[in-house]
Amino acid sequence: MNWVWEQFNEKGAWLYRIMLLNLMWIGFTLLGGIIFGLFPATVSLFSVMRKWLQGEPDISVVSHFIETYKGSFIKSNIAGLAILGIGIFLSVDLYISQKYLGNFFVHLVLLFVCFLYGLTVLFFFPTFVHYEMNSLSYLKQSFFMTFIRPLNSLLISVIFMMIMVIVYVFPFLMVFFAGPMLSYPIMWIGNKVFKSLESMEGK
């Protein structure tokens, strides 16, 4: 009976941490007016997740999140605005290609570039919390990481799409679990890619 109670308490504590982390991610995104809050809040989300994956489950979610949010606010927003700018540029290109050019090959190339862009964005957050660089170097490093382990990159994209479908079907998950659900597999795979990169550099 004691073992059952201990397991219940342990699982309940983890559920509380996950829900707290997700609510902080949403709250601090809104605190920054969404545009200026999204990137530092997501960086903070990944930073907490990285600590958990490194075997530090007892860190203070609130303290670490707020500290990371404040410390990364300017740097993450500089990179974030660059990411948004590139995304808008690619969206306009896709619209022009589809609406006016009608060239299948050009459109296919643009779709592939958009796919690489999406992978770069997904790798950006693990890269940001793993390395210490200037803002725009994170984008170059994230783009480079998509080619180090192609299968892992493909796996990240598949997992991301699956979770987005799950959240779409069960929208209440957005309020309680969406952030950790997305960040955990991406950060886990990101750590695998970092180890591959570090082993390549050590040779």
Protein backbone atom coordinates (compact mmCIF):
# COMPACT_ATOMS: atom_id res chain seq x y z
CA MET A 1 0.00 0.00 0.00
CA ASN A 2 2.89 2.35 0.82
CA TRP A 3 4.45 1.65 -2.59
CA VAL A 4 1.17 2.49 -4.33
CA TRP A 5 0.88 5.73 -2.36
CA GLU A 6 4.50 6.67 -3.18
CA GLN A 7 3.90 6.04 -6.86
CA PHE A 8 0.72 8.09 -6.75
CA ASN A 9 2.54 10.99 -5.08
CA GLU A 10 5.45 10.79 -7.51
CA LYS A 11 3.24 10.73 -10.62
CA GLY A 12 1.07 13.48 -9.17
CA ALA A 13 4.13 15.64 -8.51
CA TRP A 14 5.32 15.19 -12.10
CA LEU A 15 1.86 15.97 -13.46
CA TYR A 16 1.84 19.16 -11.40
CA ARG A 17 5.29 20.20 -12.69
CA ILE A 18 4.29 19.56 -16.31
CA MET A 19 1.05 21.51 -15.98
CA LEU A 20 2.83 24.35 -14.16
CA LEU A 21 5.49 24.50 -16.88
CA ASN A 22 2.86 24.63 -19.62
CA LEU A 23 0.87 27.36 -17.87
CA MET A 24 4.03 29.42 -17.39
CA TRP A 25 4.89 28.98 -21.07
CA ILE A 26 1.47 30.29 -22.08
CA GLY A 27 1.43 33.03 -19.44
CA PHE A 28 4.85 34.45 -20.24
CA THR A 29 4.14 34.29 -23.97
CA LEU A 30 1.10 36.49 -23.33
CA LEU A 31 3.12 38.67 -20.95
CA GLY A 32 5.44 39.57 -23.82
CA GLY A 33 2.53 40.47 -26.08
CA ILE A 34 2.81 37.09 -27.86
CA ILE A 35 5.29 38.35 -30.49
CA PHE A 36 7.96 39.36 -27.97
CA GLY A 37 6.99 36.71 -25.43
CA LEU A 38 6.85 33.57 -27.58
CA PHE A 39 10.58 33.06 -28.14
CA PRO A 40 11.91 33.75 -24.62
CA ALA A 41 9.02 31.74 -23.13
CA THR A 42 9.72 28.79 -25.44
CA VAL A 43 13.46 29.01 -24.74
CA SER A 44 12.62 28.88 -21.02
CA LEU A 45 10.35 25.87 -21.62
CA PHE A 46 13.17 24.02 -23.39
CA SER A 47 15.68 25.03 -20.72
CA VAL A 48 13.58 23.43 -17.99
CA MET A 49 13.08 20.35 -20.16
CA ARG A 50 16.84 20.14 -20.76
CA LYS A 51 17.46 20.18 -17.00
CA TRP A 52 14.97 17.35 -16.53
CA LEU A 53 16.61 15.29 -19.27
CA GLN A 54 20.01 15.88 -17.67
CA GLY A 55 18.78 14.29 -14.46
CA GLU A 56 17.81 17.38 -12.48
CA PRO A 57 14.11 16.75 -11.80
CA ASP A 58 14.04 18.76 -8.58
CA ILE A 59 14.92 22.17 -10.00
CA SER A 60 12.47 24.96 -9.23
CA VAL A 61 10.36 25.25 -12.38
CA VAL A 62 9.23 28.78 -11.51
CA SER A 63 12.66 30.18 -10.57
CA HIS A 64 14.52 28.58 -13.49
CA PHE A 65 11.84 29.57 -15.99
CA ILE A 66 11.76 33.22 -14.88
CA GLU A 67 15.56 33.46 -14.73
CA THR A 68 15.91 32.04 -18.25
CA TYR A 69 13.10 34.23 -19.58
CA LYS A 70 14.78 37.40 -18.30
CA GLY A 71 18.28 36.34 -19.37
CA SER A 72 17.30 35.29 -22.89
CA PHE A 73 14.67 37.94 -23.63
CA ILE A 74 16.73 40.22 -25.91
CA LYS A 75 18.89 37.57 -27.55
CA SER A 76 16.03 35.17 -28.27
CA ASN A 77 13.84 37.95 -29.65
CA ILE A 78 16.58 39.13 -32.04
CA ALA A 79 16.84 35.61 -33.43
CA GLY A 80 13.06 35.23 -33.25
CA LEU A 81 12.41 38.32 -35.33
CA ALA A 82 14.86 37.01 -37.93
CA ILE A 83 13.02 33.67 -37.94
CA LEU A 84 9.65 35.41 -38.33
CA GLY A 85 11.04 37.59 -41.12
CA ILE A 86 12.30 34.57 -43.04
CA GLY A 87 8.98 32.79 -42.47
CA ILE A 88 7.01 35.75 -43.85
CA PHE A 89 9.35 35.97 -46.86
CA LEU A 90 8.90 32.26 -47.63
CA SER A 91 5.12 32.51 -47.19
CA VAL A 92 4.96 35.38 -49.70
CA ASP A 93 7.15 33.40 -52.11
CA LEU A 94 4.86 30.38 -51.83
CA TYR A 95 1.79 32.52 -52.42
CA ILE A 96 3.33 34.15 -55.50
CA SER A 97 4.51 30.78 -56.81
CA GLN A 98 1.08 29.22 -56.41
CA LYS A 99 -0.97 32.22 -57.54
CA TYR A 100 1.06 33.64 -60.38
CA LEU A 101 3.96 31.44 -61.51
CA GLY A 102 2.27 28.05 -61.74
CA ASN A 103 5.65 26.33 -62.13
CA PHE A 104 5.55 22.94 -60.43
CA PHE A 105 9.34 22.61 -60.11
CA VAL A 106 9.76 26.06 -58.56
CA HIS A 107 6.90 25.39 -56.16
CA LEU A 108 8.41 22.03 -55.19
CA VAL A 109 11.77 23.67 -54.46
CA LEU A 110 10.06 26.32 -52.33
CA LEU A 111 8.19 23.62 -50.38
CA PHE A 112 11.48 21.84 -49.70
CA VAL A 113 13.06 25.11 -48.52
CA CYS A 114 10.06 25.64 -46.24
CA PHE A 115 10.53 22.13 -44.86
CA LEU A 116 14.17 22.92 -44.06
CA TYR A 117 13.05 26.19 -42.51
CA GLY A 118 10.59 24.33 -40.28
CA LEU A 119 13.28 21.90 -39.13
CA THR A 120 15.62 24.81 -38.44
CA VAL A 121 12.98 26.45 -36.24
CA LEU A 122 12.42 23.20 -34.33
CA PHE A 123 16.16 22.76 -33.78
CA PHE A 124 16.57 26.42 -32.80
CA PHE A 125 15.26 25.99 -29.26
CA PRO A 126 17.40 22.98 -28.25
CA THR A 127 20.38 24.75 -29.83
CA PHE A 128 19.69 27.96 -27.93
CA VAL A 129 19.64 26.27 -24.53
CA HIS A 130 22.65 24.05 -25.32
CA TYR A 131 25.13 26.54 -26.76
CA GLU A 132 26.28 30.05 -25.94
CA MET A 133 26.40 32.08 -29.18
CA ASN A 134 25.33 35.39 -30.63
CA SER A 135 21.72 35.59 -31.79
CA LEU A 136 22.13 34.96 -35.52
CA SER A 137 24.69 32.18 -35.04
CA TYR A 138 21.94 30.08 -33.48
CA LEU A 139 20.11 30.13 -36.81
CA LYS A 140 23.17 28.92 -38.74
CA GLN A 141 23.88 26.21 -36.19
CA SER A 142 20.23 25.08 -36.17
CA PHE A 143 20.21 24.88 -39.97
CA PHE A 144 23.45 22.89 -39.93
CA MET A 145 22.01 20.45 -37.39
CA THR A 146 19.22 19.41 -39.75
CA PHE A 147 21.85 17.68 -41.93
CA ILE A 148 23.94 16.00 -39.23
CA ARG A 149 21.40 13.27 -38.49
CA PRO A 150 18.79 13.36 -41.31
CA LEU A 151 16.74 10.52 -39.83
CA ASN A 152 16.50 12.35 -36.51
CA SER A 153 15.44 15.49 -38.36
CA LEU A 154 12.74 13.52 -40.13
CA LEU A 155 11.68 11.97 -36.83
CA ILE A 156 11.35 15.42 -35.23
CA SER A 157 9.10 16.58 -38.06
CA VAL A 158 6.91 13.45 -37.80
CA ILE A 159 6.60 13.77 -34.00
CA PHE A 160 5.77 17.46 -34.31
CA MET A 161 3.00 16.77 -36.83
CA MET A 162 1.58 13.93 -34.72
CA ILE A 163 1.46 16.09 -31.58
CA MET A 164 -0.15 18.96 -33.49
CA VAL A 165 -2.85 16.55 -34.72
CA ILE A 166 -3.41 15.28 -31.16
CA VAL A 167 -3.72 18.84 -29.83
CA TYR A 168 -6.11 19.68 -32.68
CA VAL A 169 -8.31 16.69 -31.84
CA PHE A 170 -8.07 17.32 -28.08
CA PRO A 171 -7.70 21.12 -27.78
CA PHE A 172 -7.86 21.08 -23.96
CA LEU A 173 -4.33 19.62 -24.04
CA MET A 174 -3.10 23.02 -25.24
CA VAL A 175 -3.88 24.54 -21.86
CA PHE A 176 -2.29 21.81 -19.75
CA PHE A 177 0.29 19.77 -21.68
CA ALA A 178 1.03 21.04 -25.22
CA GLY A 179 4.34 22.79 -24.46
CA PRO A 180 6.01 19.91 -22.59
CA MET A 181 4.53 17.41 -25.08
CA LEU A 182 6.29 19.25 -27.91
CA SER A 183 9.51 20.17 -26.14
CA TYR A 184 10.33 16.78 -24.59
CA PRO A 185 10.83 14.73 -27.81
CA ILE A 186 12.47 17.65 -29.64
CA MET A 187 14.90 18.28 -26.77
CA TRP A 188 15.60 14.55 -26.42
CA ILE A 189 16.40 14.17 -30.11
CA GLY A 190 18.34 17.45 -30.03
CA ASN A 191 20.59 16.03 -27.30
CA LYS A 192 21.27 13.01 -29.51
CA VAL A 193 22.30 15.29 -32.38
CA PHE A 194 24.51 17.39 -30.08
CA LYS A 195 26.36 14.26 -28.98
CA SER A 196 26.87 13.25 -32.63
CA LEU A 197 28.20 16.69 -33.45
CA GLU A 198 30.51 16.75 -30.44
CA SER A 199 31.86 13.27 -31.31
CA MET A 200 32.51 14.45 -34.89
CA GLU A 201 34.38 17.49 -33.60
CA GLY A 202 36.41 15.30 -31.23
CA LYS A 203 37.82 13.18 -34.05
